Amino acid sequence: MSGCYAELMTTVEIAYRYTTPPGDAVALALSAICDVYGIRGVRFEHAARTLCIDYDATRLNAATVTKLVRQAGLEIAEILPLIPPQPAPAEPAQAAAQA
């Protein structure tokens, strides 16, 4: 039965930058997020002050995951885009002049 679940799941990652490192109480509350049905994993990158959470998008959405993180007590500075900003496309006249 577990093989069926994996095929129907859409795993999404959301990343947060936090302002202050979590204390013991916040870290304990964040570890409890793993018990929420649909949360696949929680990773800290202490040097970058980021928290990444993998979740099942068929069970949860970004707003719900963000609410869980805030309820745990982590001070979120921003939600990080996972796709880096793309450069603006060159205008056709500039592209032809460069060729």
PDB file of N, CA and C in Angstrom:
ATOM      1  N   MET A   1       0.815  -1.194   0.000  1.00  0.00           N
ATOM      2  CA  MET A   1       0.000   0.000   0.000  1.00  0.00           C
ATOM      3  C   MET A   1       0.860   1.260   0.000  1.00  0.00           C
ATOM      4  N   SER A   2       2.023   1.222   0.656  1.00  0.00           N
ATOM      5  CA  SER A   2       2.850   2.421   0.705  1.00  0.00           C
ATOM      6  C   SER A   2       3.374   2.800  -0.669  1.00  0.00           C
ATOM      7  N   GLY A   3       3.549   1.838  -1.578  1.00  0.00           N
ATOM      8  CA  GLY A   3       3.980   2.140  -2.932  1.00  0.00           C
ATOM      9  C   GLY A   3       2.950   2.966  -3.671  1.00  0.00           C
ATOM     10  N   CYS A   4       1.676   2.769  -3.392  1.00  0.00           N
ATOM     11  CA  CYS A   4       0.623   3.553  -4.033  1.00  0.00           C
ATOM     12  C   CYS A   4       0.680   5.002  -3.584  1.00  0.00           C
ATOM     13  N   TYR A   5       0.944   5.213  -2.314  1.00  0.00           N
ATOM     14  CA  TYR A   5       0.976   6.578  -1.791  1.00  0.00           C
ATOM     15  C   TYR A   5       2.083   7.384  -2.457  1.00  0.00           C
ATOM     16  N   ALA A   6       3.256   6.796  -2.607  1.00  0.00           N
ATOM     17  CA  ALA A   6       4.388   7.522  -3.185  1.00  0.00           C
ATOM     18  C   ALA A   6       4.090   7.959  -4.617  1.00  0.00           C
ATOM     19  N   GLU A   7       3.344   7.170  -5.356  1.00  0.00           N
ATOM     20  CA  GLU A   7       3.044   7.517  -6.740  1.00  0.00           C
ATOM     21  C   GLU A   7       2.033   8.651  -6.849  1.00  0.00           C
ATOM     22  N   LEU A   8       1.197   8.825  -5.847  1.00  0.00           N
ATOM     23  CA  LEU A   8       0.148   9.835  -5.896  1.00  0.00           C
ATOM     24  C   LEU A   8       0.553  11.136  -5.216  1.00  0.00           C
ATOM     25  N   MET A   9       1.765  11.194  -4.722  1.00  0.00           N
ATOM     26  CA  MET A   9       2.198  12.339  -3.960  1.00  0.00           C
ATOM     27  C   MET A   9       2.932  13.344  -4.842  1.00  0.00           C
ATOM     28  N   THR A  10       2.710  14.619  -4.575  1.00  0.00           N
ATOM     29  CA  THR A  10       3.426  15.696  -5.242  1.00  0.00           C
ATOM     30  C   THR A  10       4.260  16.394  -4.178  1.00  0.00           C
ATOM     31  N   THR A  11       5.564  16.118  -4.150  1.00  0.00           N
ATOM     32  CA  THR A  11       6.437  16.709  -3.147  1.00  0.00           C
ATOM     33  C   THR A  11       6.867  18.104  -3.587  1.00  0.00           C
ATOM     34  N   VAL A  12       6.723  19.039  -2.670  1.00  0.00           N
ATOM     35  CA  VAL A  12       7.083  20.434  -2.908  1.00  0.00           C
ATOM     36  C   VAL A  12       8.021  20.861  -1.780  1.00  0.00           C
ATOM     37  N   GLU A  13       8.936  21.743  -2.085  1.00  0.00           N
ATOM     38  CA  GLU A  13       9.835  22.286  -1.064  1.00  0.00           C
ATOM     39  C   GLU A  13       9.558  23.771  -0.900  1.00  0.00           C
ATOM     40  N   ILE A  14       9.578  24.220   0.339  1.00  0.00           N
ATOM     41  CA  ILE A  14       9.456  25.642   0.632  1.00  0.00           C
ATOM     42  C   ILE A  14      10.621  26.002   1.541  1.00  0.00           C
ATOM     43  N   ALA A  15      11.199  27.167   1.311  1.00  0.00           N
ATOM     44  CA  ALA A  15      12.361  27.596   2.088  1.00  0.00           C
ATOM     45  C   ALA A  15      12.082  28.940   2.740  1.00  0.00           C
ATOM     46  N   TYR A  16      12.556  29.072   3.961  1.00  0.00           N
ATOM     47  CA  TYR A  16      12.388  30.294   4.736  1.00  0.00           C
ATOM     48  C   TYR A  16      13.750  30.790   5.209  1.00  0.00           C
ATOM     49  N   ARG A  17      13.920  32.099   5.248  1.00  0.00           N
ATOM     50  CA  ARG A  17      15.069  32.691   5.925  1.00  0.00           C
ATOM     51  C   ARG A  17      14.544  33.170   7.266  1.00  0.00           C
ATOM     52  N   TYR A  18      15.241  32.819   8.341  1.00  0.00           N
ATOM     53  CA  TYR A  18      14.793  33.230   9.663  1.00  0.00           C
ATOM     54  C   TYR A  18      15.715  34.306  10.228  1.00  0.00           C
ATOM     55  N   THR A  19      15.190  35.078  11.190  1.00  0.00           N
ATOM     56  CA  THR A  19      15.930  36.214  11.725  1.00  0.00           C
ATOM     57  C   THR A  19      16.878  35.807  12.843  1.00  0.00           C
ATOM     58  N   THR A  20      16.388  35.057  13.803  1.00  0.00           N
ATOM     59  CA  THR A  20      17.232  34.635  14.925  1.00  0.00           C
ATOM     60  C   THR A  20      17.231  33.114  14.997  1.00  0.00           C
ATOM     61  N   PRO A  21      18.379  32.537  15.344  1.00  0.00           N
ATOM     62  CA  PRO A  21      18.432  31.071  15.449  1.00  0.00           C
ATOM     63  C   PRO A  21      17.408  30.571  16.472  1.00  0.00           C
ATOM     64  N   PRO A  22      16.798  29.437  16.190  1.00  0.00           N
ATOM     65  CA  PRO A  22      15.785  28.922  17.116  1.00  0.00           C
ATOM     66  C   PRO A  22      16.411  28.430  18.416  1.00  0.00           C
ATOM     67  N   GLY A  23      15.730  28.737  19.513  1.00  0.00           N
ATOM     68  CA  GLY A  23      16.151  28.215  20.813  1.00  0.00           C
ATOM     69  C   GLY A  23      15.642  26.788  20.970  1.00  0.00           C
ATOM     70  N   ASP A  24      15.860  26.229  22.135  1.00  0.00           N
ATOM     71  CA  ASP A  24      15.472  24.839  22.382  1.00  0.00           C
ATOM     72  C   ASP A  24      13.972  24.618  22.219  1.00  0.00           C
ATOM     73  N   ALA A  25      13.158  25.531  22.760  1.00  0.00           N
ATOM     74  CA  ALA A  25      11.707  25.353  22.688  1.00  0.00           C
ATOM     75  C   ALA A  25      11.219  25.412  21.246  1.00  0.00           C
ATOM     76  N   VAL A  26      11.765  26.343  20.459  1.00  0.00           N
ATOM     77  CA  VAL A  26      11.359  26.473  19.056  1.00  0.00           C
ATOM     78  C   VAL A  26      11.843  25.264  18.265  1.00  0.00           C
ATOM     79  N   ALA A  27      13.075  24.820  18.528  1.00  0.00           N
ATOM     80  CA  ALA A  27      13.604  23.646  17.826  1.00  0.00           C
ATOM     81  C   ALA A  27      12.756  22.408  18.119  1.00  0.00           C
ATOM     82  N   LEU A  28      12.330  22.267  19.357  1.00  0.00           N
ATOM     83  CA  LEU A  28      11.470  21.136  19.723  1.00  0.00           C
ATOM     84  C   LEU A  28      10.120  21.234  19.018  1.00  0.00           C
ATOM     85  N   ALA A  29       9.552  22.436  18.974  1.00  0.00           N
ATOM     86  CA  ALA A  29       8.263  22.630  18.290  1.00  0.00           C
ATOM     87  C   ALA A  29       8.405  22.372  16.791  1.00  0.00           C
ATOM     88  N   LEU A  30       9.526  22.792  16.199  1.00  0.00           N
ATOM     89  CA  LEU A  30       9.742  22.542  14.769  1.00  0.00           C
ATOM     90  C   LEU A  30       9.917  21.056  14.486  1.00  0.00           C
ATOM     91  N   SER A  31      10.549  20.327  15.406  1.00  0.00           N
ATOM     92  CA  SER A  31      10.701  18.885  15.193  1.00  0.00           C
ATOM     93  C   SER A  31       9.344  18.188  15.218  1.00  0.00           C
ATOM     94  N   ALA A  32       8.382  18.755  15.939  1.00  0.00           N
ATOM     95  CA  ALA A  32       7.037  18.177  15.988  1.00  0.00           C
ATOM     96  C   ALA A  32       6.294  18.367  14.666  1.00  0.00           C
ATOM     97  N   ILE A  33       6.740  19.321  13.845  1.00  0.00           N
ATOM     98  CA  ILE A  33       6.112  19.521  12.535  1.00  0.00           C
ATOM     99  C   ILE A  33       6.235  18.263  11.693  1.00  0.00           C
ATOM    100  N   CYS A  34       7.292  17.505  11.904  1.00  0.00           N
ATOM    101  CA  CYS A  34       7.485  16.258  11.148  1.00  0.00           C
ATOM    102  C   CYS A  34       6.363  15.255  11.397  1.00  0.00           C
ATOM    103  N   ASP A  35       5.656  15.414  12.511  1.00  0.00           N
ATOM    104  CA  ASP A  35       4.554  14.510  12.829  1.00  0.00           C
ATOM    105  C   ASP A  35       3.264  14.865  12.092  1.00  0.00           C
ATOM    106  N   VAL A  36       3.232  16.032  11.456  1.00  0.00           N
ATOM    107  CA  VAL A  36       2.037  16.452  10.716  1.00  0.00           C
ATOM    108  C   VAL A  36       1.946  15.640   9.432  1.00  0.00           C
ATOM    109  N   TYR A  37       0.776  15.073   9.191  1.00  0.00           N
ATOM    110  CA  TYR A  37       0.567  14.261   8.001  1.00  0.00           C
ATOM    111  C   TYR A  37       0.764  15.114   6.756  1.00  0.00           C
ATOM    112  N   GLY A  38       1.695  14.721   5.920  1.00  0.00           N
ATOM    113  CA  GLY A  38       1.991  15.454   4.704  1.00  0.00           C
ATOM    114  C   GLY A  38       3.350  16.136   4.723  1.00  0.00           C
ATOM    115  N   ILE A  39       3.927  16.318   5.915  1.00  0.00           N
ATOM    116  CA  ILE A  39       5.279  16.873   6.002  1.00  0.00           C
ATOM    117  C   ILE A  39       6.267  15.735   5.770  1.00  0.00           C
ATOM    118  N   ARG A  40       7.136  15.923   4.792  1.00  0.00           N
ATOM    119  CA  ARG A  40       8.093  14.870   4.413  1.00  0.00           C
ATOM    120  C   ARG A  40       9.454  15.041   5.075  1.00  0.00           C
ATOM    121  N   GLY A  41       9.852  16.277   5.358  1.00  0.00           N
ATOM    122  CA  GLY A  41      11.154  16.488   5.976  1.00  0.00           C
ATOM    123  C   GLY A  41      11.383  17.951   6.308  1.00  0.00           C
ATOM    124  N   VAL A  42      12.278  18.174   7.273  1.00  0.00           N
ATOM    125  CA  VAL A  42      12.636  19.510   7.718  1.00  0.00           C
ATOM    126  C   VAL A  42      14.159  19.569   7.778  1.00  0.00           C
ATOM    127  N   ARG A  43      14.747  20.593   7.139  1.00  0.00           N
ATOM    128  CA  ARG A  43      16.202  20.746   7.134  1.00  0.00           C
ATOM    129  C   ARG A  43      16.586  22.179   7.486  1.00  0.00           C
ATOM    130  N   PHE A  44      17.539  22.319   8.391  1.00  0.00           N
ATOM    131  CA  PHE A  44      18.107  23.621   8.717  1.00  0.00           C
ATOM    132  C   PHE A  44      19.440  23.767   8.004  1.00  0.00           C
ATOM    133  N   GLU A  45      19.701  24.957   7.522  1.00  0.00           N
ATOM    134  CA  GLU A  45      21.027  25.334   7.038  1.00  0.00           C
ATOM    135  C   GLU A  45      21.434  26.530   7.883  1.00  0.00           C
ATOM    136  N   HIS A  46      22.127  26.227   9.000  1.00  0.00           N
ATOM    137  CA  HIS A  46      22.409  27.256  10.002  1.00  0.00           C
ATOM    138  C   HIS A  46      23.269  28.393   9.456  1.00  0.00           C
ATOM    139  N   ALA A  47      24.251  28.085   8.614  1.00  0.00           N
ATOM    140  CA  ALA A  47      25.132  29.127   8.082  1.00  0.00           C
ATOM    141  C   ALA A  47      24.353  30.144   7.249  1.00  0.00           C
ATOM    142  N   ALA A  48      23.377  29.665   6.485  1.00  0.00           N
ATOM    143  CA  ALA A  48      22.566  30.553   5.635  1.00  0.00           C
ATOM    144  C   ALA A  48      21.320  31.060   6.349  1.00  0.00           C
ATOM    145  N   ARG A  49      21.093  30.574   7.578  1.00  0.00           N
ATOM    146  CA  ARG A  49      19.887  30.913   8.343  1.00  0.00           C
ATOM    147  C   ARG A  49      18.618  30.596   7.556  1.00  0.00           C
ATOM    148  N   THR A  50      18.580  29.385   7.031  1.00  0.00           N
ATOM    149  CA  THR A  50      17.397  28.969   6.289  1.00  0.00           C
ATOM    150  C   THR A  50      16.835  27.674   6.848  1.00  0.00           C
ATOM    151  N   LEU A  51      15.557  27.512   6.629  1.00  0.00           N
ATOM    152  CA  LEU A  51      14.819  26.304   6.973  1.00  0.00           C
ATOM    153  C   LEU A  51      14.113  25.855   5.716  1.00  0.00           C
ATOM    154  N   CYS A  52      14.296  24.587   5.333  1.00  0.00           N
ATOM    155  CA  CYS A  52      13.622  24.025   4.159  1.00  0.00           C
ATOM    156  C   CYS A  52      12.694  22.919   4.626  1.00  0.00           C
ATOM    157  N   ILE A  53      11.490  22.926   4.096  1.00  0.00           N
ATOM    158  CA  ILE A  53      10.507  21.902   4.448  1.00  0.00           C
ATOM    159  C   ILE A  53       9.985  21.283   3.167  1.00  0.00           C
ATOM    160  N   ASP A  54      10.030  19.952   3.106  1.00  0.00           N
ATOM    161  CA  ASP A  54       9.435  19.195   2.009  1.00  0.00           C
ATOM    162  C   ASP A  54       8.054  18.742   2.470  1.00  0.00           C
ATOM    163  N   TYR A  55       7.060  18.955   1.616  1.00  0.00           N
ATOM    164  CA  TYR A  55       5.714  18.545   1.999  1.00  0.00           C
ATOM    165  C   TYR A  55       4.962  18.000   0.790  1.00  0.00           C
ATOM    166  N   ASP A  56       3.909  17.271   1.080  1.00  0.00           N
ATOM    167  CA  ASP A  56       3.040  16.674   0.068  1.00  0.00           C
ATOM    168  C   ASP A  56       1.977  17.709  -0.309  1.00  0.00           C
ATOM    169  N   ALA A  57       2.055  18.216  -1.536  1.00  0.00           N
ATOM    170  CA  ALA A  57       1.132  19.264  -1.981  1.00  0.00           C
ATOM    171  C   ALA A  57      -0.291  18.744  -2.185  1.00  0.00           C
ATOM    172  N   THR A  58      -0.477  17.436  -2.186  1.00  0.00           N
ATOM    173  CA  THR A  58      -1.841  16.914  -2.264  1.00  0.00           C
ATOM    174  C   THR A  58      -2.509  16.931  -0.893  1.00  0.00           C
ATOM    175  N   ARG A  59      -1.720  17.157   0.168  1.00  0.00           N
ATOM    176  CA  ARG A  59      -2.249  17.182   1.539  1.00  0.00           C
ATOM    177  C   ARG A  59      -2.203  18.571   2.161  1.00  0.00           C
ATOM    178  N   LEU A  60      -1.177  19.358   1.822  1.00  0.00           N
ATOM    179  CA  LEU A  60      -0.948  20.660   2.439  1.00  0.00           C
ATOM    180  C   LEU A  60      -0.672  21.700   1.364  1.00  0.00           C
ATOM    181  N   ASN A  61      -0.698  22.976   1.752  1.00  0.00           N
ATOM    182  CA  ASN A  61      -0.289  24.032   0.834  1.00  0.00           C
ATOM    183  C   ASN A  61       0.726  24.925   1.544  1.00  0.00           C
ATOM    184  N   ALA A  62       1.328  25.857   0.805  1.00  0.00           N
ATOM    185  CA  ALA A  62       2.387  26.703   1.360  1.00  0.00           C
ATOM    186  C   ALA A  62       1.892  27.528   2.538  1.00  0.00           C
ATOM    187  N   ALA A  63       0.672  28.026   2.472  1.00  0.00           N
ATOM    188  CA  ALA A  63       0.130  28.842   3.565  1.00  0.00           C
ATOM    189  C   ALA A  63       0.012  28.026   4.855  1.00  0.00           C
ATOM    190  N   THR A  64      -0.405  26.784   4.744  1.00  0.00           N
ATOM    191  CA  THR A  64      -0.543  25.923   5.917  1.00  0.00           C
ATOM    192  C   THR A  64       0.821  25.609   6.520  1.00  0.00           C
ATOM    193  N   VAL A  65       1.794  25.309   5.680  1.00  0.00           N
ATOM    194  CA  VAL A  65       3.145  25.002   6.169  1.00  0.00           C
ATOM    195  C   VAL A  65       3.738  26.237   6.838  1.00  0.00           C
ATOM    196  N   THR A  66       3.558  27.396   6.239  1.00  0.00           N
ATOM    197  CA  THR A  66       4.060  28.641   6.827  1.00  0.00           C
ATOM    198  C   THR A  66       3.409  28.897   8.182  1.00  0.00           C
ATOM    199  N   LYS A  67       2.128  28.633   8.282  1.00  0.00           N
ATOM    200  CA  LYS A  67       1.420  28.808   9.551  1.00  0.00           C
ATOM    201  C   LYS A  67       1.989  27.876  10.623  1.00  0.00           C
ATOM    202  N   LEU A  68       2.293  26.639  10.258  1.00  0.00           N
ATOM    203  CA  LEU A  68       2.889  25.689  11.198  1.00  0.00           C
ATOM    204  C   LEU A  68       4.241  26.183  11.702  1.00  0.00           C
ATOM    205  N   VAL A  69       5.047  26.731  10.794  1.00  0.00           N
ATOM    206  CA  VAL A  69       6.368  27.232  11.174  1.00  0.00           C
ATOM    207  C   VAL A  69       6.231  28.421  12.121  1.00  0.00           C
ATOM    208  N   ARG A  70       5.327  29.326  11.803  1.00  0.00           N
ATOM    209  CA  ARG A  70       5.121  30.490  12.671  1.00  0.00           C
ATOM    210  C   ARG A  70       4.571  30.077  14.039  1.00  0.00           C
ATOM    211  N   GLN A  71       3.662  29.098  14.059  1.00  0.00           N
ATOM    212  CA  GLN A  71       3.107  28.633  15.321  1.00  0.00           C
ATOM    213  C   GLN A  71       4.181  27.964  16.183  1.00  0.00           C
ATOM    214  N   ALA A  72       5.195  27.389  15.536  1.00  0.00           N
ATOM    215  CA  ALA A  72       6.299  26.783  16.282  1.00  0.00           C
ATOM    216  C   ALA A  72       7.172  27.853  16.936  1.00  0.00           C
ATOM    217  N   GLY A  73       7.054  29.093  16.469  1.00  0.00           N
ATOM    218  CA  GLY A  73       7.777  30.187  17.095  1.00  0.00           C
ATOM    219  C   GLY A  73       8.976  30.695  16.319  1.00  0.00           C
ATOM    220  N   LEU A  74       9.207  30.186  15.119  1.00  0.00           N
ATOM    221  CA  LEU A  74      10.337  30.658  14.326  1.00  0.00           C
ATOM    222  C   LEU A  74       9.987  32.007  13.699  1.00  0.00           C
ATOM    223  N   GLU A  75      10.882  32.971  13.840  1.00  0.00           N
ATOM    224  CA  GLU A  75      10.671  34.297  13.264  1.00  0.00           C
ATOM    225  C   GLU A  75      11.128  34.268  11.808  1.00  0.00           C
ATOM    226  N   ILE A  76      10.173  34.307  10.895  1.00  0.00           N
ATOM    227  CA  ILE A  76      10.461  34.224   9.465  1.00  0.00           C
ATOM    228  C   ILE A  76      10.738  35.620   8.928  1.00  0.00           C
ATOM    229  N   ALA A  77      11.905  35.785   8.302  1.00  0.00           N
ATOM    230  CA  ALA A  77      12.235  37.055   7.665  1.00  0.00           C
ATOM    231  C   ALA A  77      11.641  37.120   6.266  1.00  0.00           C
ATOM    232  N   GLU A  78      11.707  35.984   5.553  1.00  0.00           N
ATOM    233  CA  GLU A  78      11.159  35.939   4.195  1.00  0.00           C
ATOM    234  C   GLU A  78      11.007  34.497   3.738  1.00  0.00           C
ATOM    235  N   ILE A  79      10.130  34.310   2.783  1.00  0.00           N
ATOM    236  CA  ILE A  79      10.005  33.035   2.095  1.00  0.00           C
ATOM    237  C   ILE A  79      10.890  33.146   0.854  1.00  0.00           C
ATOM    238  N   LEU A  80      11.800  32.204   0.705  1.00  0.00           N
ATOM    239  CA  LEU A  80      12.775  32.277  -0.379  1.00  0.00           C
ATOM    240  C   LEU A  80      12.248  31.635  -1.652  1.00  0.00           C
ATOM    241  N   PRO A  81      12.486  32.277  -2.786  1.00  0.00           N
ATOM    242  CA  PRO A  81      12.104  31.644  -4.057  1.00  0.00           C
ATOM    243  C   PRO A  81      13.066  30.493  -4.339  1.00  0.00           C
ATOM    244  N   LEU A  82      12.541  29.376  -4.792  1.00  0.00           N
ATOM    245  CA  LEU A  82      13.383  28.221  -5.101  1.00  0.00           C
ATOM    246  C   LEU A  82      13.928  28.278  -6.514  1.00  0.00           C
ATOM    247  N   ILE A  83      13.320  29.102  -7.342  1.00  0.00           N
ATOM    248  CA  ILE A  83      13.805  29.289  -8.714  1.00  0.00           C
ATOM    249  C   ILE A  83      14.488  30.651  -8.744  1.00  0.00           C
ATOM    250  N   PRO A  84      15.788  30.694  -9.053  1.00  0.00           N
ATOM    251  CA  PRO A  84      16.471  31.982  -9.057  1.00  0.00           C
ATOM    252  C   PRO A  84      15.890  32.912 -10.111  1.00  0.00           C
ATOM    253  N   PRO A  85      15.981  34.219  -9.881  1.00  0.00           N
ATOM    254  CA  PRO A  85      15.460  35.173 -10.873  1.00  0.00           C
ATOM    255  C   PRO A  85      16.165  34.980 -12.214  1.00  0.00           C
ATOM    256  N   GLN A  86      15.395  35.036 -13.269  1.00  0.00           N
ATOM    257  CA  GLN A  86      15.938  34.850 -14.616  1.00  0.00           C
ATOM    258  C   GLN A  86      16.278  36.208 -15.214  1.00  0.00           C
ATOM    259  N   PRO A  87      17.343  36.265 -16.018  1.00  0.00           N
ATOM    260  CA  PRO A  87      17.675  37.542 -16.657  1.00  0.00           C
ATOM    261  C   PRO A  87      16.589  37.935 -17.648  1.00  0.00           C
ATOM    262  N   ALA A  88      16.430  39.224 -17.818  1.00  0.00           N
ATOM    263  CA  ALA A  88      15.432  39.718 -18.767  1.00  0.00           C
ATOM    264  C   ALA A  88      15.844  39.310 -20.176  1.00  0.00           C
ATOM    265  N   PRO A  89      14.887  38.904 -21.009  1.00  0.00           N
ATOM    266  CA  PRO A  89      15.237  38.517 -22.376  1.00  0.00           C
ATOM    267  C   PRO A  89      15.753  39.716 -23.164  1.00  0.00           C
ATOM    268  N   ALA A  90      16.741  39.455 -23.999  1.00  0.00           N
ATOM    269  CA  ALA A  90      17.297  40.526 -24.829  1.00  0.00           C
ATOM    270  C   ALA A  90      16.287  40.900 -25.909  1.00  0.00           C
ATOM    271  N   GLU A  91      16.251  42.170 -26.237  1.00  0.00           N
ATOM    272  CA  GLU A  91      15.349  42.626 -27.293  1.00  0.00           C
ATOM    273  C   GLU A  91      15.888  42.120 -28.631  1.00  0.00           C
ATOM    274  N   PRO A  92      15.002  41.835 -29.593  1.00  0.00           N
ATOM    275  CA  PRO A  92      15.445  41.273 -30.883  1.00  0.00           C
ATOM    276  C   PRO A  92      16.515  42.123 -31.581  1.00  0.00           C
ATOM    277  N   ALA A  93      16.437  43.440 -31.513  1.00  0.00           N
ATOM    278  CA  ALA A  93      17.426  44.303 -32.181  1.00  0.00           C
ATOM    279  C   ALA A  93      18.801  44.138 -31.540  1.00  0.00           C
ATOM    280  N   GLN A  94      18.851  44.025 -30.204  1.00  0.00           N
ATOM    281  CA  GLN A  94      20.127  43.835 -29.526  1.00  0.00           C
ATOM    282  C   GLN A  94      20.709  42.472 -29.827  1.00  0.00           C
ATOM    283  N   ALA A  95      19.877  41.455 -29.879  1.00  0.00           N
ATOM    284  CA  ALA A  95      20.343  40.103 -30.156  1.00  0.00           C
ATOM    285  C   ALA A  95      20.909  40.006 -31.563  1.00  0.00           C
ATOM    286  N   ALA A  96      20.279  40.674 -32.541  1.00  0.00           N
ATOM    287  CA  ALA A  96      20.769  40.652 -33.917  1.00  0.00           C
ATOM    288  C   ALA A  96      22.081  41.404 -34.037  1.00  0.00           C
ATOM    289  N   ALA A  97      22.251  42.503 -33.293  1.00  0.00           N
ATOM    290  CA  ALA A  97      23.475  43.290 -33.352  1.00  0.00           C
ATOM    291  C   ALA A  97      24.650  42.539 -32.741  1.00  0.00           C
ATOM    292  N   GLN A  98      24.376  41.685 -31.743  1.00  0.00           N
ATOM    293  CA  GLN A  98      25.430  40.930 -31.092  1.00  0.00           C
ATOM    294  C   GLN A  98      25.859  39.725 -31.920  1.00  0.00           C
ATOM    295  N   ALA A  99      25.020  39.267 -32.856  1.00  0.00           N
ATOM    296  CA  ALA A  99      25.334  38.078 -33.643  1.00  0.00           C
ATOM    297  C   ALA A  99      26.259  38.362 -34.767  1.00  0.00           C
TER     298      ALA A  99
END
